[in-house]
C-alpha atoms as a PDB file:
ATOM      1  CA  MET A   1      30.362 -15.638  26.953  1.00  0.00           C
ATOM      2  CA  SER A   2      28.554 -18.977  26.058  1.00  0.00           C
ATOM      3  CA  LYS A   3      29.896 -20.788  22.884  1.00  0.00           C
ATOM      4  CA  SER A   4      26.299 -21.491  21.976  1.00  0.00           C
ATOM      5  CA  LYS A   5      25.292 -17.978  21.684  1.00  0.00           C
ATOM      6  CA  LYS A   6      25.608 -16.810  18.057  1.00  0.00           C
ATOM      7  CA  ILE A   7      27.470 -13.550  17.285  1.00  0.00           C
ATOM      8  CA  LYS A   8      25.370 -11.111  15.218  1.00  0.00           C
ATOM      9  CA  LYS A   9      26.652  -9.870  12.136  1.00  0.00           C
ATOM     10  CA  THR A  10      27.494  -6.117  11.941  1.00  0.00           C
ATOM     11  CA  ARG A  11      28.652  -3.711   9.155  1.00  0.00           C
ATOM     12  CA  TYR A  12      29.536  -0.334  10.422  1.00  0.00           C
ATOM     13  CA  LEU A  13      30.958   2.148   7.707  1.00  0.00           C
ATOM     14  CA  SER A  14      33.016   5.014   8.151  1.00  0.00           C
ATOM     15  CA  THR A  15      31.466   8.430   9.258  1.00  0.00           C
ATOM     16  CA  LYS A  16      32.660   9.906   5.987  1.00  0.00           C
ATOM     17  CA  ILE A  17      30.696   7.228   4.132  1.00  0.00           C
ATOM     18  CA  VAL A  18      27.569   7.421   6.259  1.00  0.00           C
ATOM     19  CA  ASP A  19      27.547  11.150   5.762  1.00  0.00           C
ATOM     20  CA  ASP A  20      27.465  10.583   2.055  1.00  0.00           C
ATOM     21  CA  LEU A  21      24.801   8.107   2.335  1.00  0.00           C
ATOM     22  CA  VAL A  22      22.752  10.701   4.292  1.00  0.00           C
ATOM     23  CA  LEU A  23      23.107  13.219   1.373  1.00  0.00           C
ATOM     24  CA  ARG A  24      22.108  10.705  -1.193  1.00  0.00           C
ATOM     25  CA  ALA A  25      19.180   9.483   0.801  1.00  0.00           C
ATOM     26  CA  GLU A  26      18.102  13.062   1.103  1.00  0.00           C
ATOM     27  CA  GLU A  27      18.288  13.377  -2.635  1.00  0.00           C
ATOM     28  CA  LEU A  28      16.413  10.226  -3.204  1.00  0.00           C
ATOM     29  CA  GLN A  29      13.646  11.239  -0.858  1.00  0.00           C
ATOM     30  CA  LYS A  30      13.027  14.335  -2.743  1.00  0.00           C
ATOM     31  CA  LEU A  31      12.617  12.447  -5.963  1.00  0.00           C
ATOM     32  CA  ILE A  32      10.307   9.681  -4.312  1.00  0.00           C
ATOM     33  CA  VAL A  33       8.004  12.724  -2.565  1.00  0.00           C
ATOM     34  CA  LYS A  34       7.852  14.407  -5.748  1.00  0.00           C
ATOM     35  CA  THR A  35       6.776  11.509  -7.799  1.00  0.00           C
ATOM     36  CA  ILE A  36       4.162  10.537  -5.329  1.00  0.00           C
ATOM     37  CA  GLN A  37       2.848  14.094  -5.585  1.00  0.00           C
ATOM     38  CA  ASP A  38       2.733  14.351  -9.051  1.00  0.00           C
ATOM     39  CA  TYR A  39       1.537  10.863  -9.972  1.00  0.00           C
ATOM     40  CA  ASP A  40       0.790   9.111  -6.727  1.00  0.00           C
ATOM     41  CA  VAL A  41       3.098   6.444  -7.687  1.00  0.00           C
ATOM     42  CA  ASN A  42       5.750   5.093  -5.022  1.00  0.00           C
ATOM     43  CA  LEU A  43       9.017   4.310  -6.751  1.00  0.00           C
ATOM     44  CA  THR A  44      10.381   2.577  -3.739  1.00  0.00           C
ATOM     45  CA  GLU A  45       7.860  -0.278  -4.241  1.00  0.00           C
ATOM     46  CA  THR A  46       9.755  -3.245  -5.917  1.00  0.00           C
ATOM     47  CA  ASP A  47       6.811  -4.008  -8.247  1.00  0.00           C
ATOM     48  CA  THR A  48       6.694  -0.534  -9.472  1.00  0.00           C
ATOM     49  CA  LEU A  49      10.398  -0.706 -10.437  1.00  0.00           C
ATOM     50  CA  SER A  50      10.068  -3.972 -12.046  1.00  0.00           C
ATOM     51  CA  SER A  51       6.927  -2.942 -13.952  1.00  0.00           C
ATOM     52  CA  LEU A  52       8.596   0.279 -15.310  1.00  0.00           C
ATOM     53  CA  ALA A  53      11.650  -1.890 -16.386  1.00  0.00           C
ATOM     54  CA  ILE A  54       9.448  -4.283 -18.266  1.00  0.00           C
ATOM     55  CA  TYR A  55       7.325  -1.524 -19.897  1.00  0.00           C
ATOM     56  CA  LYS A  56      10.403   0.144 -21.220  1.00  0.00           C
ATOM     57  CA  ILE A  57      11.233  -3.115 -23.216  1.00  0.00           C
ATOM     58  CA  VAL A  58       7.736  -4.497 -24.109  1.00  0.00           C
ATOM     59  CA  LYS A  59       6.312  -1.169 -25.110  1.00  0.00           C
ATOM     60  CA  GLN A  60       8.819  -1.298 -27.890  1.00  0.00           C
ATOM     61  CA  TYR A  61       7.230  -3.984 -29.811  1.00  0.00           C
ATOM     62  CA  ASP A  62       3.824  -4.103 -28.392  1.00  0.00           C
ATOM     63  CA  ASP A  63       2.405  -0.325 -28.819  1.00  0.00           C
ATOM     64  CA  ASP A  64      -0.782  -0.917 -27.015  1.00  0.00           C
ATOM     65  CA  PHE A  65       0.831  -2.375 -23.891  1.00  0.00           C
ATOM     66  CA  ASN A  66       0.398  -0.445 -20.578  1.00  0.00           C
ATOM     67  CA  ILE A  67       0.892  -1.202 -16.772  1.00  0.00           C
ATOM     68  CA  ASN A  68      -1.483  -1.101 -13.897  1.00  0.00           C
ATOM     69  CA  PHE A  69      -0.328   0.852 -10.968  1.00  0.00           C
ATOM     70  CA  ALA A  70      -3.142  -0.264  -8.786  1.00  0.00           C
ATOM     71  CA  ARG A  71      -2.308  -2.956  -6.105  1.00  0.00           C
ATOM     72  CA  ASN A  72      -3.946  -6.424  -6.100  1.00  0.00           C
ATOM     73  CA  GLY A  73      -5.262  -6.137  -9.647  1.00  0.00           C
ATOM     74  CA  GLU A  74      -4.205  -7.238 -13.130  1.00  0.00           C
ATOM     75  CA  ASP A  75      -0.551  -6.318 -13.712  1.00  0.00           C
ATOM     76  CA  ALA A  76      -0.750  -4.869 -17.276  1.00  0.00           C
ATOM     77  CA  ARG A  77      -3.117  -4.942 -20.434  1.00  0.00           C
ATOM     78  CA  SER A  78      -2.714  -4.949 -24.108  1.00  0.00           C
ATOM     79  CA  ASN A  79      -5.566  -4.746 -26.707  1.00  0.00           C
ATOM     80  CA  GLY A  80      -8.016  -5.532 -24.008  1.00  0.00           C
ATOM     81  CA  THR A  81      -6.141  -8.546 -22.751  1.00  0.00           C
ATOM     82  CA  PRO A  82      -5.177  -8.644 -19.040  1.00  0.00           C
ATOM     83  CA  ILE A  83      -1.480  -9.591 -18.521  1.00  0.00           C
ATOM     84  CA  GLU A  84      -0.067 -11.558 -15.567  1.00  0.00           C
ATOM     85  CA  GLN A  85       3.572 -10.058 -14.873  1.00  0.00           C
ATOM     86  CA  LYS A  86       6.344 -11.742 -12.881  1.00  0.00           C
ATOM     87  CA  CYS A  87       9.908 -10.560 -12.267  1.00  0.00           C
ATOM     88  CA  CYS A  88      12.707 -12.366 -10.553  1.00  0.00           C
ATOM     89  CA  ARG A  89      16.436 -11.669 -10.047  1.00  0.00           C
ATOM     90  CA  VAL A  90      19.318 -14.081 -10.817  1.00  0.00           C
ATOM     91  CA  ALA A  91      22.978 -14.050  -9.927  1.00  0.00           C
ATOM     92  CA  ASP A  92      25.938 -12.997 -12.266  1.00  0.00           C
ATOM     93  CA  ASP A  93      26.286 -15.712 -15.069  1.00  0.00           C
ATOM     94  CA  LEU A  94      29.956 -16.001 -13.996  1.00  0.00           C
ATOM     95  CA  SER A  95      31.093 -17.759 -10.861  1.00  0.00           C
ATOM     96  CA  ASN A  96      32.737 -15.432  -8.460  1.00  0.00           C
ATOM     97  CA  LYS A  97      35.696 -17.553  -7.766  1.00  0.00           C
ATOM     98  CA  ARG A  98      36.887 -18.685 -11.254  1.00  0.00           C
ATOM     99  CA  LYS A  99      35.008 -16.323 -13.467  1.00  0.00           C
ATOM    100  CA  LYS A 100      33.591 -19.125 -15.678  1.00  0.00           C
ATOM    101  CA  LEU A 101      30.085 -19.542 -16.737  1.00  0.00           C
ATOM    102  CA  ARG A 102      27.780 -21.235 -14.238  1.00  0.00           C
ATOM    103  CA  LYS A 103      26.386 -24.488 -15.419  1.00  0.00           C
ATOM    104  CA  GLN A 104      22.622 -23.079 -14.797  1.00  0.00           C
ATOM    105  CA  ALA A 105      23.350 -19.631 -16.234  1.00  0.00           C
ATOM    106  CA  GLY A 106      20.500 -18.446 -18.276  1.00  0.00           C
ATOM    107  CA  ASN A 107      18.262 -21.258 -16.918  1.00  0.00           C
ATOM    108  CA  ASP A 108      17.992 -20.646 -13.366  1.00  0.00           C
ATOM    109  CA  ALA A 109      15.150 -18.109 -13.023  1.00  0.00           C
ATOM    110  CA  ALA A 110      11.933 -18.914 -11.121  1.00  0.00           C
ATOM    111  CA  TRP A 111       8.889 -16.986 -10.645  1.00  0.00           C
ATOM    112  CA  ILE A 112       6.713 -16.936  -7.614  1.00  0.00           C
ATOM    113  CA  PHE A 113       2.980 -17.597  -7.752  1.00  0.00           C
ATOM    114  CA  HIS A 114       0.592 -18.308  -4.917  1.00  0.00           C
ATOM    115  CA  ALA A 115      -0.971 -21.702  -4.881  1.00  0.00           C
ATOM    116  CA  MET A 116      -4.239 -20.377  -3.432  1.00  0.00           C
ATOM    117  CA  GLY A 117      -4.206 -17.386  -5.890  1.00  0.00           C
ATOM    118  CA  ASP A 118      -5.404 -16.812  -9.567  1.00  0.00           C
ATOM    119  CA  ILE A 119      -2.987 -18.768 -11.815  1.00  0.00           C
ATOM    120  CA  GLU A 120      -4.915 -18.956 -14.912  1.00  0.00           C
ATOM    121  CA  HIS A 121      -4.213 -15.991 -17.251  1.00  0.00           C
ATOM    122  CA  GLU A 122      -4.535 -15.033 -21.018  1.00  0.00           C
ATOM    123  CA  ARG A 123      -1.063 -13.665 -21.264  1.00  0.00           C
ATOM    124  CA  TYR A 124       2.055 -13.991 -19.152  1.00  0.00           C
ATOM    125  CA  ILE A 125       5.019 -11.840 -19.121  1.00  0.00           C
ATOM    126  CA  LEU A 126       8.024 -13.277 -17.211  1.00  0.00           C
ATOM    127  CA  ALA A 127      11.138 -11.206 -16.636  1.00  0.00           C
ATOM    128  CA  VAL A 128      14.594 -11.924 -15.482  1.00  0.00           C
ATOM    129  CA  ARG A 129      16.507  -8.976 -13.864  1.00  0.00           C
ATOM    130  CA  HIS A 130      20.412  -9.019 -12.702  1.00  0.00           C
ATOM    131  CA  LYS A 131      20.554  -9.487  -8.962  1.00  0.00           C
ATOM    132  CA  THR A 132      23.275  -6.829  -8.401  1.00  0.00           C
ATOM    133  CA  ASN A 133      22.968  -4.111 -11.129  1.00  0.00           C
ATOM    134  CA  LEU A 134      19.103  -4.667 -11.871  1.00  0.00           C
ATOM    135  CA  ASN A 135      19.623  -4.877 -15.538  1.00  0.00           C
ATOM    136  CA  MET A 136      16.869  -6.580 -17.494  1.00  0.00           C
ATOM    137  CA  LEU A 137      18.405  -9.640 -18.986  1.00  0.00           C
ATOM    138  CA  ARG A 138      15.389 -11.808 -20.423  1.00  0.00           C
ATOM    139  CA  ILE A 139      11.760 -11.569 -20.974  1.00  0.00           C
ATOM    140  CA  TYR A 140       9.364 -14.397 -21.733  1.00  0.00           C
ATOM    141  CA  ASP A 141       6.095 -13.337 -23.269  1.00  0.00           C
ATOM    142  CA  ILE A 142       3.621 -16.077 -23.596  1.00  0.00           C
ATOM    143  CA  SER A 143       0.219 -15.410 -25.146  1.00  0.00           C
ATOM    144  CA  THR A 144      -1.117 -18.151 -27.332  1.00  0.00           C
ATOM    145  CA  LEU A 145      -3.894 -20.199 -25.870  1.00  0.00           C
ATOM    146  CA  ASN A 146      -2.157 -23.401 -26.074  1.00  0.00           C
ATOM    147  CA  ASN A 147       0.920 -22.188 -24.238  1.00  0.00           C
ATOM    148  CA  CYS A 148      -0.808 -20.422 -21.583  1.00  0.00           C
ATOM    149  CA  LYS A 149      -2.864 -23.620 -20.915  1.00  0.00           C
ATOM    150  CA  LEU A 150       0.522 -25.473 -20.562  1.00  0.00           C
ATOM    151  CA  ILE A 151       1.743 -22.889 -17.984  1.00  0.00           C
ATOM    152  CA  TYR A 152      -1.647 -23.136 -16.171  1.00  0.00           C
ATOM    153  CA  ILE A 153      -1.456 -26.954 -16.122  1.00  0.00           C
ATOM    154  CA  GLU A 154       2.099 -26.779 -14.563  1.00  0.00           C
ATOM    155  CA  LEU A 155       0.920 -24.170 -11.999  1.00  0.00           C
ATOM    156  CA  LEU A 156      -2.101 -26.429 -11.292  1.00  0.00           C
ATOM    157  CA  ARG A 157       0.379 -29.579 -10.696  1.00  0.00           C
ATOM    158  CA  LEU A 158       2.512 -27.503  -8.305  1.00  0.00           C
ATOM    159  CA  SER A 159      -0.531 -26.213  -6.448  1.00  0.00           C
ATOM    160  CA  ASP A 160      -1.827 -29.629  -6.084  1.00  0.00           C
ATOM    161  CA  GLU A 161       1.725 -30.671  -4.635  1.00  0.00           C
ATOM    162  CA  TRP A 162       1.537 -27.976  -2.220  1.00  0.00           C
ATOM    163  CA  TYR A 163      -1.760 -28.726  -1.052  1.00  0.00           C
ATOM    164  CA  LYS A 164      -0.494 -32.424  -0.254  1.00  0.00           C
ATOM    165  CA  VAL A 165       2.378 -30.777   1.876  1.00  0.00           C
ATOM    166  CA  VAL A 166       0.134 -28.397   3.595  1.00  0.00           C
ATOM    167  CA  LYS A 167      -2.270 -31.168   4.852  1.00  0.00           C
ATOM    168  CA  LYS A 168       0.819 -32.770   6.687  1.00  0.00           C
ATOM    169  CA  LYS A 169       2.141 -29.465   8.124  1.00  0.00           C
ATOM    170  CA  LYS A 170       0.535 -26.152   8.937  1.00  0.00           C
ATOM    171  CA  THR A 171       1.768 -23.267   6.935  1.00  0.00           C
ATOM    172  CA  LYS A 172       0.557 -19.952   5.708  1.00  0.00           C
ATOM    173  CA  ARG A 173       3.304 -19.667   2.937  1.00  0.00           C
ATOM    174  CA  ASP A 174       1.677 -20.682  -0.062  1.00  0.00           C
ATOM    175  CA  THR A 175       4.361 -19.990  -2.658  1.00  0.00           C
ATOM    176  CA  ILE A 176       4.924 -22.106  -5.786  1.00  0.00           C
ATOM    177  CA  SER A 177       7.697 -21.506  -8.418  1.00  0.00           C
ATOM    178  CA  LEU A 178       7.474 -21.667 -12.229  1.00  0.00           C
ATOM    179  CA  THR A 179      10.996 -22.334 -13.480  1.00  0.00           C
ATOM    180  CA  GLU A 180      12.877 -21.043 -16.437  1.00  0.00           C
ATOM    181  CA  THR A 181      13.907 -24.637 -17.455  1.00  0.00           C
ATOM    182  CA  PHE A 182      10.342 -25.503 -17.671  1.00  0.00           C
ATOM    183  CA  LEU A 183       9.454 -22.679 -20.080  1.00  0.00           C
ATOM    184  CA  LYS A 184      12.471 -23.486 -22.247  1.00  0.00           C
ATOM    185  CA  ASN A 185      11.536 -27.252 -22.170  1.00  0.00           C
ATOM    186  CA  THR A 186       7.963 -26.826 -22.806  1.00  0.00           C
ATOM    187  CA  ILE A 187       7.080 -23.644 -24.636  1.00  0.00           C
ATOM    188  CA  ASP A 188       7.852 -23.294 -28.432  1.00  0.00           C
ATOM    189  CA  PHE A 189       9.157 -19.862 -28.665  1.00  0.00           C
ATOM    190  CA  THR A 190       8.889 -18.985 -32.414  1.00  0.00           C
ATOM    191  CA  ASN A 191      10.052 -15.433 -32.166  1.00  0.00           C
ATOM    192  CA  LYS A 192      13.305 -14.415 -30.283  1.00  0.00           C
ATOM    193  CA  ILE A 193      14.405 -10.744 -30.576  1.00  0.00           C
ATOM    194  CA  VAL A 194      16.939  -8.587 -28.777  1.00  0.00           C
ATOM    195  CA  ILE A 195      15.987  -5.107 -27.687  1.00  0.00           C
ATOM    196  CA  ASP A 196      18.229  -2.858 -25.664  1.00  0.00           C
ATOM    197  CA  ASN A 197      20.487  -5.966 -24.936  1.00  0.00           C
ATOM    198  CA  VAL A 198      17.486  -7.750 -23.494  1.00  0.00           C
ATOM    199  CA  LEU A 199      16.548 -11.170 -25.084  1.00  0.00           C
ATOM    200  CA  ILE A 200      12.943 -11.517 -25.653  1.00  0.00           C
ATOM    201  CA  TYR A 201      11.263 -14.949 -26.032  1.00  0.00           C
ATOM    202  CA  ARG A 202       7.660 -14.940 -27.675  1.00  0.00           C
ATOM    203  CA  ASP A 203       5.404 -17.499 -28.960  1.00  0.00           C
ATOM    204  CA  VAL A 204       3.958 -15.371 -31.702  1.00  0.00           C
END
């Protein structure tokens, strides 16, 4: 065998475990199919699960808040205002080796936008979930005119940077990232509350 040939990673489980996974998959499939039949909503879509997790929290302080289940449209709406929703996952705040708090813990989230997409919105809800257990950790709810403009200006700057790069090399990937550090350093969050162990940052 050639030394240059890479060995593919594999992960085979015992027959007992695989049999158990089959049973779990069958139960999950029943729930997925029933939900599609009842409401035409696919629970396996990542955006759906994230939106429902956000809804559960935001609805507790914004009674008019509702999420949009149609694809490629506005993500949510409240009191007539369309809302841009983003969700990202972060690793455990503790390092795996020493079980100490990571240096960037609580500040390392980044939300993906498209440089060629719609980046200007009247309200942004940016959520952070745990990478492993999927628990909601933090929500940033930005709705004032000035703060939304600050986010738009930053996304516009990132888009301009992307366009400069794309001129040099051809790429179809137009993703840009709005960082949690930028939010904390730029936005004045006047209202901080905790709901169901989720820290919510609001600018109103």
